[in-house]
Amino acid sequence: MELSVVIPVYNEAPALPELVERLEAVLRGNYEVIFVDDGSSDSSAEVLKELAKERPWLRLIRLRRNYGQTSAIQTGIQHAQGEVIVLMDSDLENDPADIPRLLAKLAEGYDVVSGWRQNRWRGQFFTRRLPSLLANALISSISGVPLHDYGCTLKAYRREILSPIRLYGKMHRFIPIYAKWEGGKITEIPVSYQPRKYGKSHYSLARVISVLLDLILIIFLDRYLQRPMHFFGGIGLLAILGGIGSFFLALYYKLTHQKDFVQTPLPIFTALFISIGVVLLLIGILGELLMRIYYEATGRPVVQIRERVNFSDSMPVSV
């Protein structure tokens, strides 16, 4: 199988016939399109079943309930057989005609090609476009993966870069960052954008908050997954130093007869900061133990080897 297109679906029945027709018009060669119905409450599954009757390349996976877009994408990736995997949305905002352009760019030696919807949010600069620009700039600066549109689902990946990745929560928008961790070469190209024809957008303020929380997790996973003691321990030591500083300041007030211990909150701060610092140091130690258990129990390699020369095929490709 040369190409797998993975499309999560949630209540998009009116858009599906047109989407399938447009996919059929542009895809060539040995390919499959995997629709993952994420517990839709409309007729999405029935529409896809009908469309699949005369299209052997159209595959459908139905989930028992709505697990979320990330889980649907992960399920589709696990079932995909293609050497290249393309992800896209089912609401017609992504244009299937852009898929050949993604594949052509991938053939230049990249592992990930991300879509960039340049003309999105026209007329909504302050409510949609500006927050999107700021969020993408923040993610790019922190992750070191300079993309303009992390929210665009339309992306092409080589199978070998996706295979080691496991997605949880709502982390699908950060797949390029995971790919970077695996040594992937990443780029982006402008793609078409059309406002949705049917239904309504699922965008909300809650999504912005979830993205920020996921970004904090990404920072931790990127920089401290294999050394959690440096993260928790560093904050813990700062807290302990703050507690010691509060103690000496309170002692200074006492010895200079400016304020008694009961006249200042500094003794309380001393106990609070030192207690928090000790707890964070202990969390760091537990984190180190859990990290080692994780790698030992799952057998997940600590590093991935890109290439080997003059080695036996029976030797491991990761350590």
C-alpha atoms as a PDB file:
ATOM      1  CA  MET A   1       0.000   0.000   0.000  1.00  0.00           C
ATOM      2  CA  GLU A   2       1.462   3.329  -1.089  1.00  0.00           C
ATOM      3  CA  LEU A   3      -0.883   5.782   0.623  1.00  0.00           C
ATOM      4  CA  SER A   4      -3.321   5.803   3.515  1.00  0.00           C
ATOM      5  CA  VAL A   5      -5.586   8.782   4.121  1.00  0.00           C
ATOM      6  CA  VAL A   6      -6.951   8.844   7.681  1.00  0.00           C
ATOM      7  CA  ILE A   7     -10.050  10.973   8.322  1.00  0.00           C
ATOM      8  CA  PRO A   8     -11.745  11.285  11.739  1.00  0.00           C
ATOM      9  CA  VAL A   9     -15.496  11.849  11.488  1.00  0.00           C
ATOM     10  CA  TYR A  10     -17.927  13.258  14.009  1.00  0.00           C
ATOM     11  CA  ASN A  11     -21.420  14.236  12.839  1.00  0.00           C
ATOM     12  CA  GLU A  12     -20.421  15.233   9.299  1.00  0.00           C
ATOM     13  CA  ALA A  13     -22.972  13.201   7.288  1.00  0.00           C
ATOM     14  CA  PRO A  14     -23.927  15.980   4.797  1.00  0.00           C
ATOM     15  CA  ALA A  15     -20.283  16.606   3.829  1.00  0.00           C
ATOM     16  CA  LEU A  16     -19.204  12.993   3.335  1.00  0.00           C
ATOM     17  CA  PRO A  17     -20.534  12.238  -0.200  1.00  0.00           C
ATOM     18  CA  GLU A  18     -18.825  15.316  -1.652  1.00  0.00           C
ATOM     19  CA  LEU A  19     -15.627  14.567   0.270  1.00  0.00           C
ATOM     20  CA  VAL A  20     -15.490  10.997  -1.059  1.00  0.00           C
ATOM     21  CA  GLU A  21     -16.075  12.194  -4.634  1.00  0.00           C
ATOM     22  CA  ARG A  22     -13.285  14.750  -4.343  1.00  0.00           C
ATOM     23  CA  LEU A  23     -10.920  12.164  -2.880  1.00  0.00           C
ATOM     24  CA  GLU A  24     -11.735   9.735  -5.666  1.00  0.00           C
ATOM     25  CA  ALA A  25     -10.989  12.426  -8.252  1.00  0.00           C
ATOM     26  CA  VAL A  26      -7.434  13.161  -7.051  1.00  0.00           C
ATOM     27  CA  LEU A  27      -6.045   9.965  -5.530  1.00  0.00           C
ATOM     28  CA  ARG A  28      -4.057   7.626  -7.758  1.00  0.00           C
ATOM     29  CA  GLY A  29      -2.147   4.379  -7.385  1.00  0.00           C
ATOM     30  CA  ASN A  30      -2.492   1.867  -4.578  1.00  0.00           C
ATOM     31  CA  TYR A  31      -4.255   3.729  -1.780  1.00  0.00           C
ATOM     32  CA  GLU A  32      -6.833   3.453   0.954  1.00  0.00           C
ATOM     33  CA  VAL A  33      -9.003   6.000   2.754  1.00  0.00           C
ATOM     34  CA  ILE A  34      -9.830   5.158   6.362  1.00  0.00           C
ATOM     35  CA  PHE A  35     -12.768   6.983   7.916  1.00  0.00           C
ATOM     36  CA  VAL A  36     -12.915   6.690  11.700  1.00  0.00           C
ATOM     37  CA  ASP A  37     -16.426   7.417  12.949  1.00  0.00           C
ATOM     38  CA  ASP A  38     -15.912   8.823  16.435  1.00  0.00           C
ATOM     39  CA  GLY A  39     -19.298   7.905  17.891  1.00  0.00           C
ATOM     40  CA  SER A  40     -21.350  10.161  15.601  1.00  0.00           C
ATOM     41  CA  SER A  41     -24.979  10.676  16.623  1.00  0.00           C
ATOM     42  CA  ASP A  42     -26.101  11.477  13.068  1.00  0.00           C
ATOM     43  CA  SER A  43     -26.120   9.217  10.000  1.00  0.00           C
ATOM     44  CA  SER A  44     -22.371   9.520   9.253  1.00  0.00           C
ATOM     45  CA  ALA A  45     -21.741   5.776   9.645  1.00  0.00           C
ATOM     46  CA  GLU A  46     -24.685   4.823   7.436  1.00  0.00           C
ATOM     47  CA  VAL A  47     -23.602   7.271   4.723  1.00  0.00           C
ATOM     48  CA  LEU A  48     -20.064   5.880   4.754  1.00  0.00           C
ATOM     49  CA  LYS A  49     -21.302   2.291   4.626  1.00  0.00           C
ATOM     50  CA  GLU A  50     -23.336   3.130   1.533  1.00  0.00           C
ATOM     51  CA  LEU A  51     -20.399   4.914  -0.095  1.00  0.00           C
ATOM     52  CA  ALA A  52     -18.107   1.966   0.661  1.00  0.00           C
ATOM     53  CA  LYS A  53     -20.261  -0.583  -1.211  1.00  0.00           C
ATOM     54  CA  GLU A  54     -18.749   0.257  -4.603  1.00  0.00           C
ATOM     55  CA  ARG A  55     -15.434   1.576  -3.353  1.00  0.00           C
ATOM     56  CA  PRO A  56     -13.121  -1.126  -1.995  1.00  0.00           C
ATOM     57  CA  TRP A  57     -10.525   1.523  -1.127  1.00  0.00           C
ATOM     58  CA  LEU A  58     -12.920   3.161   1.343  1.00  0.00           C
ATOM     59  CA  ARG A  59     -12.638   1.686   4.814  1.00  0.00           C
ATOM     60  CA  LEU A  60     -14.693   2.511   7.891  1.00  0.00           C
ATOM     61  CA  ILE A  61     -13.892   2.086  11.568  1.00  0.00           C
ATOM     62  CA  ARG A  62     -16.700   2.819  14.018  1.00  0.00           C
ATOM     63  CA  LEU A  63     -15.872   3.632  17.615  1.00  0.00           C
ATOM     64  CA  ARG A  64     -18.350   2.713  20.319  1.00  0.00           C
ATOM     65  CA  ARG A  65     -18.598   6.280  21.605  1.00  0.00           C
ATOM     66  CA  ASN A  66     -17.098   9.713  21.122  1.00  0.00           C
ATOM     67  CA  TYR A  67     -13.502   9.445  22.315  1.00  0.00           C
ATOM     68  CA  GLY A  68     -12.220  12.647  20.725  1.00  0.00           C
ATOM     69  CA  GLN A  69     -10.295  13.554  17.592  1.00  0.00           C
ATOM     70  CA  THR A  70      -6.912  12.426  18.894  1.00  0.00           C
ATOM     71  CA  SER A  71      -8.132   8.917  19.739  1.00  0.00           C
ATOM     72  CA  ALA A  72      -9.853   8.628  16.361  1.00  0.00           C
ATOM     73  CA  ILE A  73      -6.661   9.665  14.566  1.00  0.00           C
ATOM     74  CA  GLN A  74      -4.564   7.218  16.596  1.00  0.00           C
ATOM     75  CA  THR A  75      -6.994   4.407  15.732  1.00  0.00           C
ATOM     76  CA  GLY A  76      -6.783   5.243  12.046  1.00  0.00           C
ATOM     77  CA  ILE A  77      -2.988   5.357  12.107  1.00  0.00           C
ATOM     78  CA  GLN A  78      -2.844   1.951  13.800  1.00  0.00           C
ATOM     79  CA  HIS A  79      -4.990   0.444  11.019  1.00  0.00           C
ATOM     80  CA  ALA A  80      -3.270   2.227   8.128  1.00  0.00           C
ATOM     81  CA  GLN A  81      -1.164   0.116   5.753  1.00  0.00           C
ATOM     82  CA  GLY A  82       0.334   2.831   3.556  1.00  0.00           C
ATOM     83  CA  GLU A  83       3.981   3.829   3.424  1.00  0.00           C
ATOM     84  CA  VAL A  84       2.735   7.412   3.576  1.00  0.00           C
ATOM     85  CA  ILE A  85      -0.099   8.492   5.887  1.00  0.00           C
ATOM     86  CA  VAL A  86      -2.089  11.660   5.242  1.00  0.00           C
ATOM     87  CA  LEU A  87      -4.394  13.085   7.926  1.00  0.00           C
ATOM     88  CA  MET A  88      -7.259  15.431   7.096  1.00  0.00           C
ATOM     89  CA  ASP A  89     -10.601  16.659   8.430  1.00  0.00           C
ATOM     90  CA  SER A  90     -13.997  15.511   7.173  1.00  0.00           C
ATOM     91  CA  ASP A  91     -15.785  18.879   7.125  1.00  0.00           C
ATOM     92  CA  LEU A  92     -14.543  19.957   3.637  1.00  0.00           C
ATOM     93  CA  GLU A  93     -12.356  22.708   5.114  1.00  0.00           C
ATOM     94  CA  ASN A  94      -9.359  20.695   3.857  1.00  0.00           C
ATOM     95  CA  ASP A  95      -9.217  20.259   0.076  1.00  0.00           C
ATOM     96  CA  PRO A  96      -8.267  16.742  -1.156  1.00  0.00           C
ATOM     97  CA  ALA A  97      -6.693  18.410  -4.202  1.00  0.00           C
ATOM     98  CA  ASP A  98      -3.826  19.482  -1.922  1.00  0.00           C
ATOM     99  CA  ILE A  99      -2.847  15.870  -1.169  1.00  0.00           C
ATOM    100  CA  PRO A 100      -0.744  15.392  -4.341  1.00  0.00           C
ATOM    101  CA  ARG A 101       1.131  18.608  -3.481  1.00  0.00           C
ATOM    102  CA  LEU A 102       1.873  17.288   0.012  1.00  0.00           C
ATOM    103  CA  LEU A 103       3.128  14.012  -1.451  1.00  0.00           C
ATOM    104  CA  ALA A 104       5.333  15.825  -3.974  1.00  0.00           C
ATOM    105  CA  LYS A 105       6.936  17.837  -1.204  1.00  0.00           C
ATOM    106  CA  LEU A 106       7.375  14.695   0.904  1.00  0.00           C
ATOM    107  CA  ALA A 107       9.234  13.108  -2.025  1.00  0.00           C
ATOM    108  CA  GLU A 108      11.882  15.835  -1.739  1.00  0.00           C
ATOM    109  CA  GLY A 109      13.227  14.063   1.338  1.00  0.00           C
ATOM    110  CA  TYR A 110      10.990  15.288   4.139  1.00  0.00           C
ATOM    111  CA  ASP A 111       9.373  13.100   6.783  1.00  0.00           C
ATOM    112  CA  VAL A 112       6.490  15.453   7.586  1.00  0.00           C
ATOM    113  CA  VAL A 113       4.764  18.019   5.356  1.00  0.00           C
ATOM    114  CA  SER A 114       2.294  20.232   7.187  1.00  0.00           C
ATOM    115  CA  GLY A 115      -0.515  22.258   5.642  1.00  0.00           C
ATOM    116  CA  TRP A 116      -0.693  26.002   6.228  1.00  0.00           C
ATOM    117  CA  ARG A 117      -4.124  27.626   5.822  1.00  0.00           C
ATOM    118  CA  GLN A 118      -3.020  31.150   4.985  1.00  0.00           C
ATOM    119  CA  ASN A 119      -6.420  32.734   4.303  1.00  0.00           C
ATOM    120  CA  ARG A 120      -8.258  31.497   7.361  1.00  0.00           C
ATOM    121  CA  TRP A 121     -10.378  33.687   9.670  1.00  0.00           C
ATOM    122  CA  ARG A 122     -11.005  36.540   7.245  1.00  0.00           C
ATOM    123  CA  GLY A 123     -13.019  39.249   8.980  1.00  0.00           C
ATOM    124  CA  GLN A 124     -12.289  37.738  12.414  1.00  0.00           C
ATOM    125  CA  PHE A 125      -8.839  39.124  13.081  1.00  0.00           C
ATOM    126  CA  PHE A 126      -9.131  39.876  16.794  1.00  0.00           C
ATOM    127  CA  THR A 127     -11.407  37.005  17.786  1.00  0.00           C
ATOM    128  CA  ARG A 128      -9.825  34.170  15.766  1.00  0.00           C
ATOM    129  CA  ARG A 129      -6.816  35.118  13.622  1.00  0.00           C
ATOM    130  CA  LEU A 130      -4.760  37.021  16.203  1.00  0.00           C
ATOM    131  CA  PRO A 131      -5.125  34.342  18.932  1.00  0.00           C
ATOM    132  CA  SER A 132      -4.191  31.716  16.323  1.00  0.00           C
ATOM    133  CA  LEU A 133      -1.078  33.665  15.244  1.00  0.00           C
ATOM    134  CA  LEU A 134       0.037  34.133  18.835  1.00  0.00           C
ATOM    135  CA  ALA A 135      -0.592  30.492  19.761  1.00  0.00           C
ATOM    136  CA  ASN A 136       1.313  29.147  16.745  1.00  0.00           C
ATOM    137  CA  ALA A 137       4.216  31.539  17.357  1.00  0.00           C
ATOM    138  CA  LEU A 138       4.376  30.468  21.007  1.00  0.00           C
ATOM    139  CA  ILE A 139       4.308  26.752  20.164  1.00  0.00           C
ATOM    140  CA  SER A 140       6.936  27.197  17.448  1.00  0.00           C
ATOM    141  CA  SER A 141       9.310  29.131  19.699  1.00  0.00           C
ATOM    142  CA  ILE A 142       9.025  26.649  22.555  1.00  0.00           C
ATOM    143  CA  SER A 143       9.132  23.450  20.486  1.00  0.00           C
ATOM    144  CA  GLY A 144      11.726  24.525  17.935  1.00  0.00           C
ATOM    145  CA  VAL A 145       9.418  23.372  15.104  1.00  0.00           C
ATOM    146  CA  PRO A 146       8.579  26.567  13.163  1.00  0.00           C
ATOM    147  CA  LEU A 147       5.090  25.964  11.754  1.00  0.00           C
ATOM    148  CA  HIS A 148       2.489  28.627  11.045  1.00  0.00           C
ATOM    149  CA  ASP A 149      -0.578  26.420  11.490  1.00  0.00           C
ATOM    150  CA  TYR A 150      -0.428  23.675  14.095  1.00  0.00           C
ATOM    151  CA  GLY A 151      -4.217  23.438  14.028  1.00  0.00           C
ATOM    152  CA  CYS A 152      -4.342  22.290  10.390  1.00  0.00           C
ATOM    153  CA  THR A 153      -5.061  18.557  10.369  1.00  0.00           C
ATOM    154  CA  LEU A 154      -4.002  18.208   6.726  1.00  0.00           C
ATOM    155  CA  LYS A 155      -0.493  16.785   6.967  1.00  0.00           C
ATOM    156  CA  ALA A 156       1.503  14.024   5.290  1.00  0.00           C
ATOM    157  CA  TYR A 157       3.792  11.668   7.220  1.00  0.00           C
ATOM    158  CA  ARG A 158       6.110   8.836   6.389  1.00  0.00           C
ATOM    159  CA  ARG A 159       4.988   5.687   8.165  1.00  0.00           C
ATOM    160  CA  GLU A 160       8.309   5.104   9.923  1.00  0.00           C
ATOM    161  CA  ILE A 161       8.111   8.496  11.642  1.00  0.00           C
ATOM    162  CA  LEU A 162       4.571   7.847  12.934  1.00  0.00           C
ATOM    163  CA  SER A 163       5.025   4.242  14.042  1.00  0.00           C
ATOM    164  CA  PRO A 164       6.775   4.974  17.378  1.00  0.00           C
ATOM    165  CA  ILE A 165       4.311   7.755  18.289  1.00  0.00           C
ATOM    166  CA  ARG A 166       1.388   7.126  20.631  1.00  0.00           C
ATOM    167  CA  LEU A 167      -1.194   9.869  20.964  1.00  0.00           C
ATOM    168  CA  TYR A 168      -3.177  10.568  24.120  1.00  0.00           C
ATOM    169  CA  GLY A 169      -5.587  13.243  25.294  1.00  0.00           C
ATOM    170  CA  LYS A 170      -5.857  15.960  22.640  1.00  0.00           C
ATOM    171  CA  MET A 171      -2.286  15.880  21.390  1.00  0.00           C
ATOM    172  CA  HIS A 172      -2.894  15.310  17.662  1.00  0.00           C
ATOM    173  CA  ARG A 173      -2.049  18.930  16.822  1.00  0.00           C
ATOM    174  CA  PHE A 174       1.452  18.364  18.207  1.00  0.00           C
ATOM    175  CA  ILE A 175       2.323  15.340  16.038  1.00  0.00           C
ATOM    176  CA  PRO A 176       5.039  17.338  14.182  1.00  0.00           C
ATOM    177  CA  ILE A 177       6.751  17.930  17.531  1.00  0.00           C
ATOM    178  CA  TYR A 178       6.635  14.206  18.302  1.00  0.00           C
ATOM    179  CA  ALA A 179       8.048  13.593  14.813  1.00  0.00           C
ATOM    180  CA  LYS A 180      10.908  15.961  15.571  1.00  0.00           C
ATOM    181  CA  TRP A 181      11.724  13.915  18.667  1.00  0.00           C
ATOM    182  CA  GLU A 182      12.016  10.880  16.401  1.00  0.00           C
ATOM    183  CA  GLY A 183      14.508  12.747  14.194  1.00  0.00           C
ATOM    184  CA  GLY A 184      12.022  13.716  11.483  1.00  0.00           C
ATOM    185  CA  LYS A 185      12.653  16.393   8.847  1.00  0.00           C
ATOM    186  CA  ILE A 186       9.679  18.755   8.801  1.00  0.00           C
ATOM    187  CA  THR A 187       8.403  21.440   6.435  1.00  0.00           C
ATOM    188  CA  GLU A 188       5.110  23.095   5.477  1.00  0.00           C
ATOM    189  CA  ILE A 189       3.344  24.325   2.355  1.00  0.00           C
ATOM    190  CA  PRO A 190       0.320  26.594   1.859  1.00  0.00           C
ATOM    191  CA  VAL A 191      -2.943  24.712   1.354  1.00  0.00           C
ATOM    192  CA  SER A 192      -6.458  25.710   0.397  1.00  0.00           C
ATOM    193  CA  TYR A 193      -9.045  26.582   2.993  1.00  0.00           C
ATOM    194  CA  GLN A 194     -12.810  26.691   2.559  1.00  0.00           C
ATOM    195  CA  PRO A 195     -15.234  27.625   5.358  1.00  0.00           C
ATOM    196  CA  ARG A 196     -17.357  24.651   6.320  1.00  0.00           C
ATOM    197  CA  LYS A 197     -20.526  24.171   4.292  1.00  0.00           C
ATOM    198  CA  TYR A 198     -22.435  22.129   6.825  1.00  0.00           C
ATOM    199  CA  GLY A 199     -22.816  22.143  10.582  1.00  0.00           C
ATOM    200  CA  LYS A 200     -20.940  24.451  12.900  1.00  0.00           C
ATOM    201  CA  SER A 201     -17.377  24.805  14.109  1.00  0.00           C
ATOM    202  CA  HIS A 202     -16.351  23.103  17.342  1.00  0.00           C
ATOM    203  CA  TYR A 203     -13.955  25.986  18.148  1.00  0.00           C
ATOM    204  CA  SER A 204     -14.359  27.462  21.644  1.00  0.00           C
ATOM    205  CA  LEU A 205     -12.410  29.174  24.408  1.00  0.00           C
ATOM    206  CA  ALA A 206     -12.141  25.814  26.158  1.00  0.00           C
ATOM    207  CA  ARG A 207     -10.091  24.553  23.203  1.00  0.00           C
ATOM    208  CA  VAL A 208      -7.618  27.441  23.650  1.00  0.00           C
ATOM    209  CA  ILE A 209      -7.206  26.556  27.313  1.00  0.00           C
ATOM    210  CA  SER A 210      -6.698  22.869  26.483  1.00  0.00           C
ATOM    211  CA  VAL A 211      -4.037  23.798  23.909  1.00  0.00           C
ATOM    212  CA  LEU A 212      -2.137  25.829  26.508  1.00  0.00           C
ATOM    213  CA  LEU A 213      -2.291  22.979  29.018  1.00  0.00           C
ATOM    214  CA  ASP A 214      -1.152  20.494  26.372  1.00  0.00           C
ATOM    215  CA  LEU A 215       1.718  22.841  25.507  1.00  0.00           C
ATOM    216  CA  ILE A 216       2.906  22.765  29.125  1.00  0.00           C
ATOM    217  CA  LEU A 217       2.858  18.970  28.963  1.00  0.00           C
ATOM    218  CA  ILE A 218       4.767  19.030  25.666  1.00  0.00           C
ATOM    219  CA  ILE A 219       7.472  21.206  27.241  1.00  0.00           C
ATOM    220  CA  PHE A 220       7.842  18.737  30.084  1.00  0.00           C
ATOM    221  CA  LEU A 221       7.892  15.686  27.791  1.00  0.00           C
ATOM    222  CA  ASP A 222      10.397  17.333  25.454  1.00  0.00           C
ATOM    223  CA  ARG A 223      12.873  18.595  28.023  1.00  0.00           C
ATOM    224  CA  TYR A 224      12.384  16.551  31.157  1.00  0.00           C
ATOM    225  CA  LEU A 225      10.821  13.173  30.292  1.00  0.00           C
ATOM    226  CA  GLN A 226      14.091  11.344  30.903  1.00  0.00           C
ATOM    227  CA  ARG A 227      15.170  13.592  33.789  1.00  0.00           C
ATOM    228  CA  PRO A 228      12.065  14.595  35.794  1.00  0.00           C
ATOM    229  CA  MET A 229      14.259  15.217  38.852  1.00  0.00           C
ATOM    230  CA  HIS A 230      15.731  18.254  37.089  1.00  0.00           C
ATOM    231  CA  PHE A 231      12.246  19.721  36.640  1.00  0.00           C
ATOM    232  CA  PHE A 232      10.634  19.000  39.995  1.00  0.00           C
ATOM    233  CA  GLY A 233      13.894  19.126  41.894  1.00  0.00           C
ATOM    234  CA  GLY A 234      14.803  22.503  40.421  1.00  0.00           C
ATOM    235  CA  ILE A 235      11.501  24.035  41.483  1.00  0.00           C
ATOM    236  CA  GLY A 236      11.797  22.288  44.849  1.00  0.00           C
ATOM    237  CA  LEU A 237      15.244  23.735  45.505  1.00  0.00           C
ATOM    238  CA  LEU A 238      14.004  27.215  44.616  1.00  0.00           C
ATOM    239  CA  ALA A 239      11.128  26.777  47.062  1.00  0.00           C
ATOM    240  CA  ILE A 240      13.497  25.621  49.806  1.00  0.00           C
ATOM    241  CA  LEU A 241      15.800  28.581  49.161  1.00  0.00           C
ATOM    242  CA  GLY A 242      12.779  30.862  49.366  1.00  0.00           C
ATOM    243  CA  GLY A 243      11.859  29.292  52.694  1.00  0.00           C
ATOM    244  CA  ILE A 244      15.396  29.744  54.024  1.00  0.00           C
ATOM    245  CA  GLY A 245      15.384  33.366  52.841  1.00  0.00           C
ATOM    246  CA  SER A 246      12.082  33.970  54.624  1.00  0.00           C
ATOM    247  CA  PHE A 247      13.542  32.463  57.820  1.00  0.00           C
ATOM    248  CA  PHE A 248      16.625  34.675  57.828  1.00  0.00           C
ATOM    249  CA  LEU A 249      14.546  37.762  57.029  1.00  0.00           C
ATOM    250  CA  ALA A 250      12.227  36.992  59.942  1.00  0.00           C
ATOM    251  CA  LEU A 251      15.265  36.375  62.139  1.00  0.00           C
ATOM    252  CA  TYR A 252      16.742  39.718  61.051  1.00  0.00           C
ATOM    253  CA  TYR A 253      13.545  41.542  62.031  1.00  0.00           C
ATOM    254  CA  LYS A 254      13.593  39.743  65.383  1.00  0.00           C
ATOM    255  CA  LEU A 255      17.241  40.474  66.215  1.00  0.00           C
ATOM    256  CA  THR A 256      16.952  44.140  65.177  1.00  0.00           C
ATOM    257  CA  HIS A 257      13.784  44.483  67.282  1.00  0.00           C
ATOM    258  CA  GLN A 258      11.756  45.661  64.317  1.00  0.00           C
ATOM    259  CA  LYS A 259       9.124  42.919  64.341  1.00  0.00           C
ATOM    260  CA  ASP A 260       8.509  39.811  66.407  1.00  0.00           C
ATOM    261  CA  PHE A 261       7.888  36.452  64.730  1.00  0.00           C
ATOM    262  CA  VAL A 262       4.147  36.737  65.367  1.00  0.00           C
ATOM    263  CA  GLN A 263       4.009  40.149  63.689  1.00  0.00           C
ATOM    264  CA  THR A 264       5.052  38.937  60.246  1.00  0.00           C
ATOM    265  CA  PRO A 265       3.879  36.106  57.953  1.00  0.00           C
ATOM    266  CA  LEU A 266       7.500  35.208  57.164  1.00  0.00           C
ATOM    267  CA  PRO A 267       7.627  32.184  59.542  1.00  0.00           C
ATOM    268  CA  ILE A 268       4.533  30.800  57.801  1.00  0.00           C
ATOM    269  CA  PHE A 269       6.198  31.345  54.420  1.00  0.00           C
ATOM    270  CA  THR A 270       9.292  29.564  55.711  1.00  0.00           C
ATOM    271  CA  ALA A 271       7.342  26.454  56.708  1.00  0.00           C
ATOM    272  CA  LEU A 272       5.226  26.553  53.543  1.00  0.00           C
ATOM    273  CA  PHE A 273       8.102  26.948  51.052  1.00  0.00           C
ATOM    274  CA  ILE A 274      10.320  24.351  52.705  1.00  0.00           C
ATOM    275  CA  SER A 275       7.449  21.863  52.869  1.00  0.00           C
ATOM    276  CA  ILE A 276       6.594  22.425  49.198  1.00  0.00           C
ATOM    277  CA  GLY A 277      10.263  22.120  48.255  1.00  0.00           C
ATOM    278  CA  VAL A 278      10.659  18.792  50.060  1.00  0.00           C
ATOM    279  CA  VAL A 279       7.477  17.442  48.445  1.00  0.00           C
ATOM    280  CA  LEU A 280       8.686  18.473  44.961  1.00  0.00           C
ATOM    281  CA  LEU A 281      12.053  16.797  45.550  1.00  0.00           C
ATOM    282  CA  LEU A 282      10.251  13.593  46.505  1.00  0.00           C
ATOM    283  CA  ILE A 283       8.037  13.873  43.397  1.00  0.00           C
ATOM    284  CA  GLY A 284      11.210  14.241  41.339  1.00  0.00           C
ATOM    285  CA  ILE A 285      12.626  11.049  42.820  1.00  0.00           C
ATOM    286  CA  LEU A 286       9.370   9.175  42.148  1.00  0.00           C
ATOM    287  CA  GLY A 287       9.354  10.578  38.617  1.00  0.00           C
ATOM    288  CA  GLU A 288      12.843   9.209  38.016  1.00  0.00           C
ATOM    289  CA  LEU A 289      11.747   5.768  39.234  1.00  0.00           C
ATOM    290  CA  LEU A 290       8.583   5.809  37.095  1.00  0.00           C
ATOM    291  CA  MET A 291      10.557   6.871  34.031  1.00  0.00           C
ATOM    292  CA  ARG A 292      12.883   3.906  34.423  1.00  0.00           C
ATOM    293  CA  ILE A 293       9.958   1.536  35.004  1.00  0.00           C
ATOM    294  CA  TYR A 294       8.241   2.926  31.888  1.00  0.00           C
ATOM    295  CA  TYR A 295      11.175   2.229  29.582  1.00  0.00           C
ATOM    296  CA  GLU A 296      11.855  -1.186  31.105  1.00  0.00           C
ATOM    297  CA  ALA A 297       8.220  -2.341  31.100  1.00  0.00           C
ATOM    298  CA  THR A 298       7.271  -1.111  27.619  1.00  0.00           C
ATOM    299  CA  GLY A 299      10.561  -1.966  25.975  1.00  0.00           C
ATOM    300  CA  ARG A 300      10.422   1.453  24.303  1.00  0.00           C
ATOM    301  CA  PRO A 301      13.838   2.457  22.993  1.00  0.00           C
ATOM    302  CA  VAL A 302      15.506   5.478  24.539  1.00  0.00           C
ATOM    303  CA  VAL A 303      16.956   6.473  21.148  1.00  0.00           C
ATOM    304  CA  GLN A 304      16.053   5.775  17.516  1.00  0.00           C
ATOM    305  CA  ILE A 305      18.778   4.956  14.970  1.00  0.00           C
ATOM    306  CA  ARG A 306      18.243   6.540  11.547  1.00  0.00           C
ATOM    307  CA  GLU A 307      20.687   4.407   9.550  1.00  0.00           C
ATOM    308  CA  ARG A 308      23.148   1.535   9.964  1.00  0.00           C
ATOM    309  CA  VAL A 309      25.966   0.580   7.634  1.00  0.00           C
ATOM    310  CA  ASN A 310      27.551  -2.886   7.425  1.00  0.00           C
ATOM    311  CA  PHE A 311      25.518  -4.286  10.310  1.00  0.00           C
ATOM    312  CA  SER A 312      23.588  -7.521  10.371  1.00  0.00           C
ATOM    313  CA  ASP A 313      19.829  -7.197   9.857  1.00  0.00           C
ATOM    314  CA  SER A 314      19.285  -9.282  12.975  1.00  0.00           C
ATOM    315  CA  MET A 315      20.815  -6.605  15.166  1.00  0.00           C
ATOM    316  CA  PRO A 316      18.434  -4.158  16.938  1.00  0.00           C
ATOM    317  CA  VAL A 317      17.679  -0.845  15.222  1.00  0.00           C
ATOM    318  CA  SER A 318      17.017   1.031  18.458  1.00  0.00           C
ATOM    319  CA  VAL A 319      18.463   1.114  21.948  1.00  0.00           C
END
